[in-house]
Amino acid sequence: MKTITETKQHAQLLTVPEAAQRLGISPRKTWQLISEGQLQVVHVGLRSTRILESVLDAFIERLKVAAIHCN
């Protein structure tokens, strides 16, 4: 059974502005990616939207693969 600390390490939640900063894009563009279904989110309560760090990492990897295939 995982401890709370282990779970937090594996399930880091980022705010939309934090995710945007990691991607090097605006929060507005990040919201667009969310609305297009390219980034899945987690809703915490009624008004808080978070992105799992692992989801963001997978998105970045898909971009890398797409870039390799385009070249």
Protein backbone atom coordinates (compact mmCIF):
# COMPACT_ATOMS: atom_id res chain seq x y z
CA MET A 1 0.00 0.00 0.00
CA LYS A 2 1.36 3.42 -0.98
CA THR A 3 1.83 6.14 1.59
CA ILE A 4 0.44 9.63 1.04
CA THR A 5 3.95 10.90 0.30
CA GLU A 6 4.49 8.25 -2.39
CA THR A 7 1.13 9.05 -3.96
CA LYS A 8 1.90 12.77 -4.08
CA GLN A 9 5.23 12.09 -5.77
CA HIS A 10 3.55 10.04 -8.49
CA ALA A 11 0.45 12.19 -8.89
CA GLN A 12 1.71 15.78 -8.98
CA LEU A 13 -1.13 18.12 -9.88
CA LEU A 14 -0.37 21.32 -11.77
CA THR A 15 -2.55 24.37 -12.19
CA VAL A 16 -3.27 25.50 -15.74
CA PRO A 17 -0.80 28.43 -15.45
CA GLU A 18 1.89 26.05 -14.10
CA ALA A 19 1.32 23.64 -16.99
CA ALA A 20 1.38 26.53 -19.46
CA GLN A 21 4.71 27.70 -18.06
CA ARG A 22 6.19 24.21 -18.41
CA LEU A 23 5.00 24.07 -22.01
CA GLY A 24 6.22 27.59 -22.76
CA ILE A 25 2.78 28.70 -23.92
CA SER A 26 0.07 30.97 -22.56
CA PRO A 27 -2.59 29.78 -20.13
CA ARG A 28 -5.15 30.69 -22.82
CA LYS A 29 -3.51 28.28 -25.29
CA THR A 30 -3.43 25.64 -22.55
CA TRP A 31 -7.17 26.06 -22.01
CA GLN A 32 -7.60 25.64 -25.77
CA LEU A 33 -5.68 22.34 -25.68
CA ILE A 34 -7.93 21.22 -22.81
CA SER A 35 -11.12 22.14 -24.66
CA GLU A 36 -9.86 20.29 -27.77
CA GLY A 37 -9.28 17.16 -25.65
CA GLN A 38 -5.51 17.17 -26.16
CA LEU A 39 -4.88 17.55 -22.41
CA GLN A 40 -6.98 15.71 -19.86
CA VAL A 41 -7.69 17.43 -16.59
CA VAL A 42 -8.73 16.59 -13.06
CA HIS A 43 -11.46 18.67 -11.43
CA VAL A 44 -10.87 19.34 -7.76
CA GLY A 45 -14.09 20.70 -6.37
CA LEU A 46 -16.32 22.89 -8.49
CA ARG A 47 -13.83 25.50 -9.63
CA SER A 48 -10.34 24.01 -9.57
CA THR A 49 -8.90 22.39 -12.68
CA ARG A 50 -5.59 20.58 -12.46
CA ILE A 51 -3.40 18.67 -14.89
CA LEU A 52 -1.52 15.59 -13.78
CA GLU A 53 2.18 15.98 -14.35
CA SER A 54 2.21 12.53 -15.99
CA VAL A 55 -0.48 13.69 -18.47
CA LEU A 56 1.61 16.75 -19.32
CA ASP A 57 4.72 14.60 -19.75
CA ALA A 58 2.82 12.23 -22.07
CA PHE A 59 1.57 15.20 -24.11
CA ILE A 60 5.15 16.45 -24.52
CA GLU A 61 6.28 12.98 -25.61
CA ARG A 62 3.50 12.87 -28.24
CA LEU A 63 4.73 16.20 -29.57
CA LYS A 64 8.27 14.85 -29.78
CA VAL A 65 7.13 11.77 -31.70
CA ALA A 66 5.04 13.91 -34.06
CA ALA A 67 8.02 16.18 -34.69
CA ILE A 68 10.25 13.21 -35.51
CA HIS A 69 7.71 11.85 -38.01
CA CYS A 70 7.37 15.26 -39.68
CA ASN A 71 11.10 15.50 -40.38
